[in-house]
Protein backbone atom coordinates (compact mmCIF):
# COMPACT_ATOMS: atom_id res chain seq x y z
CA UNK A 1 0.00 0.00 0.00
CA UNK A 2 1.38 3.39 -0.96
CA UNK A 3 1.62 6.44 1.27
CA UNK A 4 -1.28 8.03 -0.56
CA UNK A 5 -3.49 5.04 0.15
CA UNK A 6 -2.51 5.15 3.80
CA UNK A 7 -3.45 8.83 3.98
CA UNK A 8 -6.85 8.26 2.40
CA UNK A 9 -7.59 5.35 4.72
CA UNK A 10 -6.56 7.41 7.78
CA UNK A 11 -8.76 10.29 6.75
CA UNK A 12 -11.66 7.92 6.25
CA UNK A 13 -11.20 6.39 9.70
CA UNK A 14 -11.15 9.84 11.35
CA UNK A 15 -14.25 10.78 9.48
CA UNK A 16 -15.97 7.65 10.61
CA UNK A 17 -14.98 8.21 14.22
CA UNK A 18 -16.07 11.81 14.15
CA UNK A 19 -19.32 11.10 12.47
CA UNK A 20 -20.37 7.97 14.20
CA UNK A 21 -23.49 9.64 15.24
CA UNK A 22 -24.52 10.60 11.70
CA UNK A 23 -27.15 8.80 9.91
CA UNK A 24 -26.38 5.52 8.15
CA UNK A 25 -26.92 7.12 4.78
CA UNK A 26 -23.97 9.31 5.21
CA UNK A 27 -21.85 6.30 6.11
CA UNK A 28 -22.81 4.50 2.95
CA UNK A 29 -22.07 7.58 0.85
CA UNK A 30 -18.77 8.04 2.58
CA UNK A 31 -17.84 4.42 1.97
CA UNK A 32 -18.56 4.83 -1.74
CA UNK A 33 -16.54 8.01 -1.91
CA UNK A 34 -13.61 6.33 -0.20
CA UNK A 35 -13.78 3.37 -2.59
CA UNK A 36 -14.00 5.71 -5.56
CA UNK A 37 -11.13 7.81 -4.31
CA UNK A 38 -9.05 4.73 -3.77
CA UNK A 39 -9.77 3.56 -7.33
CA UNK A 40 -8.88 6.96 -8.80
CA UNK A 41 -5.74 7.16 -6.75
CA UNK A 42 -4.66 3.74 -7.99
CA UNK A 43 -5.17 4.82 -11.62
CA UNK A 44 -3.35 8.13 -11.17
CA UNK A 45 -0.31 6.78 -9.44
CA UNK A 46 2.72 8.29 -11.24
CA UNK A 47 5.43 5.99 -12.48
CA UNK A 48 8.86 7.59 -12.06
CA UNK A 49 10.38 8.56 -15.40
CA UNK A 50 13.98 9.23 -16.47
CA UNK A 51 13.26 12.92 -16.74
CA UNK A 52 11.82 15.22 -14.05
CA UNK A 53 8.20 16.36 -14.23
CA UNK A 54 7.80 19.72 -15.78
CA UNK A 55 6.36 22.27 -13.42
CA UNK A 56 3.19 23.97 -14.59
CA UNK A 57 3.97 27.58 -15.17
CA UNK A 58 2.48 30.04 -12.73
CA UNK A 59 -0.39 32.18 -13.65
CA UNK A 60 0.40 35.16 -15.76
CA UNK A 61 1.31 38.24 -13.82
CA UNK A 62 3.08 36.41 -11.06
CA UNK A 63 6.30 38.01 -10.01
CA UNK A 64 7.95 34.97 -8.53
CA UNK A 65 11.05 33.87 -10.39
CA UNK A 66 10.70 30.98 -12.77
CA UNK A 67 12.39 27.89 -11.62
CA UNK A 68 14.36 26.25 -14.46
CA UNK A 69 14.26 22.50 -14.44
CA UNK A 70 17.26 20.96 -16.14
CA UNK A 71 17.08 17.57 -17.72
CA UNK A 72 19.90 15.50 -16.36
CA UNK A 73 22.51 14.80 -19.05
CA UNK A 74 22.97 11.19 -19.80
CA UNK A 75 26.51 10.09 -19.40
CA UNK A 76 27.87 8.56 -22.59
CA UNK A 77 28.84 4.96 -22.10
CA UNK A 78 32.50 4.36 -21.77
CA UNK A 79 34.01 3.14 -25.01
CA UNK A 80 34.63 -0.52 -25.22
CA UNK A 81 38.06 -1.45 -24.25
CA UNK A 82 40.16 -1.99 -27.33
CA UNK A 83 41.26 -5.55 -27.63
CA UNK A 84 44.81 -5.93 -26.59
CA UNK A 85 47.15 -6.30 -29.54
CA UNK A 86 49.17 -9.49 -29.66
CA UNK A 87 52.80 -8.95 -28.82
CA UNK A 88 55.13 -8.50 -31.80
CA UNK A 89 56.99 -11.66 -32.73
CA UNK A 90 60.43 -11.81 -31.30
CA UNK A 91 63.19 -11.84 -33.88
CA UNK A 92 65.99 -14.06 -32.87
CA UNK A 93 69.31 -12.42 -33.53
CA UNK A 94 72.02 -14.76 -34.85
CA UNK A 95 74.56 -15.51 -32.25
CA UNK A 96 78.01 -14.71 -33.51
CA UNK A 97 80.68 -17.12 -32.59
CA UNK A 98 83.78 -15.93 -30.93
CA UNK A 99 85.89 -17.31 -33.76
CA UNK A 100 87.55 -14.66 -35.93
CA UNK A 101 85.96 -14.07 -39.29
CA UNK A 102 87.89 -15.53 -42.23
CA UNK A 103 89.84 -13.20 -44.39
CA UNK A 104 88.17 -11.85 -47.47
CA UNK A 105 88.31 -14.15 -50.47
CA UNK A 106 91.20 -13.34 -52.80
CA UNK A 107 90.25 -11.59 -56.03
CA UNK A 108 89.63 -13.95 -58.93
CA UNK A 109 92.55 -14.67 -61.15
CA UNK A 110 92.52 -12.77 -64.43
CA UNK A 111 91.12 -14.70 -67.34
CA UNK A 112 93.82 -16.17 -69.55
CA UNK A 113 94.40 -14.20 -72.69
CA UNK A 114 93.12 -15.73 -75.85
CA UNK A 115 96.10 -16.44 -78.07
CA UNK A 116 95.98 -17.11 -81.76
CA UNK A 117 97.80 -20.21 -82.83
CA UNK A 118 97.98 -23.43 -84.83
CA UNK A 119 97.38 -26.62 -82.87
CA UNK A 120 99.77 -29.54 -82.75
CA UNK A 121 98.87 -32.20 -85.28
CA UNK A 122 97.81 -29.70 -87.96
CA UNK A 123 98.69 -30.98 -91.45
CA UNK A 124 99.06 -29.08 -94.73
CA UNK A 125 100.61 -29.61 -98.17
CA UNK A 126 103.59 -27.97 -99.90
CA UNK A 127 105.03 -27.80 -103.41
CA UNK A 128 108.81 -27.44 -103.78
CA UNK A 129 110.25 -24.65 -105.88
CA UNK A 130 113.76 -26.11 -106.32
CA UNK A 131 115.51 -29.47 -106.79
CA UNK A 132 117.52 -31.40 -104.22
CA UNK A 133 119.84 -34.34 -105.10
CA UNK A 134 122.07 -36.63 -103.09
CA UNK A 135 125.09 -35.99 -105.34
CA UNK A 136 124.74 -32.20 -105.30
CA UNK A 137 123.36 -31.13 -101.90
CA UNK A 138 124.57 -31.45 -98.33
CA UNK A 139 122.79 -31.27 -94.91
CA UNK A 140 121.96 -27.67 -94.03
CA UNK A 141 121.06 -26.67 -97.59
CA UNK A 142 117.69 -24.95 -97.90
CA UNK A 143 114.92 -24.76 -100.48
CA UNK A 144 111.62 -22.87 -100.53
CA UNK A 145 108.22 -24.49 -100.90
CA UNK A 146 104.71 -23.05 -101.24
CA UNK A 147 101.70 -23.98 -99.11
CA UNK A 148 98.91 -25.52 -101.18
CA UNK A 149 96.35 -25.55 -98.31
CA UNK A 150 95.04 -22.71 -96.13
CA UNK A 151 95.36 -23.42 -92.42
CA UNK A 152 92.94 -22.23 -89.72
CA UNK A 153 93.75 -22.39 -86.02
CA UNK A 154 92.39 -21.15 -82.69
CA UNK A 155 91.00 -17.67 -82.02
CA UNK A 156 91.16 -16.54 -85.62
CA UNK A 157 94.63 -17.86 -86.45
CA UNK A 158 94.96 -18.22 -90.21
CA UNK A 159 97.73 -19.05 -92.69
CA UNK A 160 96.67 -18.50 -96.30
CA UNK A 161 97.49 -20.83 -99.16
CA UNK A 162 100.54 -19.61 -101.07
CA UNK A 163 102.54 -18.80 -97.92
CA UNK A 164 106.22 -19.66 -98.22
CA UNK A 165 107.81 -22.41 -96.14
CA UNK A 166 111.56 -22.82 -95.85
CA UNK A 167 112.71 -26.47 -95.84
CA UNK A 168 116.17 -27.47 -94.65
CA UNK A 169 117.97 -30.63 -95.83
CA UNK A 170 118.81 -32.81 -92.85
CA UNK A 171 120.42 -35.74 -94.72
CA UNK A 172 121.35 -36.97 -98.24
CA UNK A 173 122.24 -40.63 -98.60
CA UNK A 174 123.36 -42.27 -101.87
CA UNK A 175 122.55 -45.99 -101.89
CA UNK A 176 123.91 -49.25 -103.19
CA UNK A 177 120.33 -50.02 -104.18
CA UNK A 178 117.66 -47.66 -105.53
CA UNK A 179 115.62 -47.94 -102.36
CA UNK A 180 118.52 -47.03 -100.13
CA UNK A 181 119.05 -43.60 -101.71
CA UNK A 182 117.19 -41.12 -99.47
CA UNK A 183 116.75 -37.39 -98.80
CA UNK A 184 115.27 -35.93 -95.57
CA UNK A 185 113.98 -32.43 -94.68
CA UNK A 186 112.72 -30.40 -91.76
CA UNK A 187 110.70 -27.18 -91.58
CA UNK A 188 112.98 -24.26 -90.96
CA UNK A 189 110.28 -21.55 -90.81
CA UNK A 190 106.94 -20.38 -92.18
CA UNK A 191 106.74 -16.88 -93.61
CA UNK A 192 103.57 -15.20 -92.26
CA UNK A 193 103.01 -11.51 -93.01
CA UNK A 194 106.68 -11.07 -93.93
CA UNK A 195 107.79 -12.59 -90.62
CA UNK A 196 109.53 -15.96 -90.29
CA UNK A 197 108.04 -18.19 -87.58
CA UNK A 198 109.75 -21.37 -86.54
CA UNK A 199 107.76 -24.54 -85.94
CA UNK A 200 108.60 -28.12 -85.02
CA UNK A 201 107.06 -30.32 -87.72
CA UNK A 202 107.53 -33.60 -89.55
CA UNK A 203 108.07 -33.54 -93.33
CA UNK A 204 106.93 -36.47 -95.48
CA UNK A 205 107.68 -36.76 -99.21
CA UNK A 206 104.54 -37.44 -101.21
CA UNK A 207 106.25 -37.49 -104.62
CA UNK A 208 108.76 -40.30 -105.36
CA UNK A 209 112.46 -39.61 -105.54
CA UNK A 210 114.08 -39.95 -108.93
CA UNK A 211 116.97 -42.44 -108.53
CA UNK A 212 119.85 -42.75 -110.96
CA UNK A 213 122.65 -45.37 -111.18
CA UNK A 214 126.13 -43.82 -111.25
CA UNK A 215 129.60 -45.55 -111.33
CA UNK A 216 131.90 -45.30 -108.42
CA UNK A 217 135.51 -44.16 -108.83
CA UNK A 218 138.07 -46.85 -109.90
CA UNK A 219 137.30 -47.73 -113.58
CA UNK A 220 134.59 -49.44 -115.54
CA UNK A 221 132.87 -52.73 -114.64
CA UNK A 222 134.23 -54.43 -117.83
CA UNK A 223 137.80 -53.73 -116.91
CA UNK A 224 137.21 -55.09 -113.46
CA UNK A 225 135.84 -58.40 -114.86
CA UNK A 226 138.71 -58.82 -117.36
CA UNK A 227 141.32 -57.94 -114.83
CA UNK A 228 139.87 -60.46 -112.40
CA UNK A 229 139.97 -63.24 -114.99
CA UNK A 230 143.58 -62.57 -115.90
CA UNK A 231 144.59 -62.48 -112.30
CA UNK A 232 142.81 -65.76 -111.68
CA UNK A 233 144.41 -67.49 -114.61
CA UNK A 234 147.85 -66.47 -113.54
CA UNK A 235 147.17 -67.70 -110.03
CA UNK A 236 145.93 -71.03 -111.41
CA UNK A 237 148.96 -71.46 -113.66
CA UNK A 238 151.31 -70.86 -110.81
CA UNK A 239 149.49 -73.24 -108.49
CA UNK A 240 148.63 -76.05 -110.92
CA UNK A 241 151.24 -75.62 -113.62
CA UNK A 242 148.82 -77.00 -116.24
CA UNK A 243 146.04 -75.90 -118.56
CA UNK A 244 143.23 -77.13 -116.34
CA UNK A 245 144.47 -75.16 -113.41
CA UNK A 246 144.83 -72.10 -115.59
CA UNK A 247 141.22 -72.30 -116.79
CA UNK A 248 139.87 -72.79 -113.30
CA UNK A 249 141.88 -69.87 -112.05
CA UNK A 250 140.64 -67.64 -114.85
CA UNK A 251 137.01 -68.48 -114.08
CA UNK A 252 137.48 -67.77 -110.42
CA UNK A 253 139.20 -64.50 -111.20
CA UNK A 254 136.39 -63.43 -113.51
CA UNK A 255 133.84 -64.11 -110.81
CA UNK A 256 135.83 -62.06 -108.39
CA UNK A 257 136.05 -59.26 -110.91
CA UNK A 258 132.28 -59.35 -111.43
CA UNK A 259 131.67 -59.06 -107.71
CA UNK A 260 134.03 -56.15 -107.55
CA UNK A 261 132.22 -54.45 -110.39
CA UNK A 262 128.85 -54.92 -108.67
CA UNK A 263 130.20 -53.49 -105.44
CA UNK A 264 131.31 -50.39 -107.28
CA UNK A 265 127.76 -49.45 -108.39
CA UNK A 266 125.95 -46.46 -106.71
CA UNK A 267 122.50 -44.81 -106.90
CA UNK A 268 121.81 -41.16 -106.48
CA UNK A 269 118.37 -39.70 -105.69
CA UNK A 270 116.83 -36.36 -106.58
CA UNK A 271 113.63 -34.54 -105.50
CA UNK A 272 112.76 -32.37 -108.49
CA UNK A 273 111.11 -28.96 -108.35
CA UNK A 274 107.31 -29.13 -108.16
CA UNK A 275 107.31 -32.23 -105.95
CA UNK A 276 104.61 -32.64 -103.30
CA UNK A 277 105.49 -32.59 -99.59
CA UNK A 278 103.24 -33.04 -96.53
CA UNK A 279 103.94 -31.22 -93.24
CA UNK A 280 102.43 -32.10 -89.81
CA UNK A 281 103.11 -29.90 -86.79
CA UNK A 282 104.51 -31.64 -83.70
CA UNK A 283 103.68 -28.77 -81.32
CA UNK A 284 101.44 -25.72 -81.23
CA UNK A 285 102.60 -22.65 -83.07
CA UNK A 286 101.64 -19.26 -81.61
CA UNK A 287 100.87 -16.40 -83.94
CA UNK A 288 100.98 -12.71 -83.16
CA UNK A 289 97.81 -11.31 -81.59
């Protein structure tokens, strides 16, 4: 029960006590009024609001100051707490060892220079310009030949066909047989751009040597046969002192003279001009850059 209800009930009780001597009609009316008042009071009970009740302004002409009722200011709600940021990841620093750092790497070696040259094993042909013979030339004599092939090497090295090659005679050997007569050469130099360049190379004769039979000193073969027969006959006559011994001695002497004549034979060899020669390098030949 509210305070207002209590007040109404108290007033009703006082009225009843003070008017106990009134007629019953008044009591019934009073009871209805109290019930009605109670019902009205229940319907008009004010529910507290967030804002204060406005005060009805005073009648016009009043001099009393106007009381200003201020609406309480609502406090703004505190902002939501920002979510805590996760801690930054920890970067592990590399642990340096106490060992001393190695010295800086040495600078790279300079690249080898590219040299122009002819490789070992390179082969090319020549044509001789002069003649060489065993009965006219000696070791150390020289002839000139012409290259018939162009030669290409490393890094642009090039020897054109027609370049001159100097050949040196290393040996001349007359023979008792045609096959035993021989001539040998070596490369003295190659003329490249008016400059002689030496090279170690093997020289092979492609053309055949021209071999000629020549007599040795000491007379003709016929004289040697006749002289041998006479000498044999005389030896047989002295030994046998008869015709048979003389004939046998003559035959033996003739045979000896024939052998002597054969032993006196000799063959010379010549390599004529225009012969073909093949050269193969034994080592690399460097050309000017």
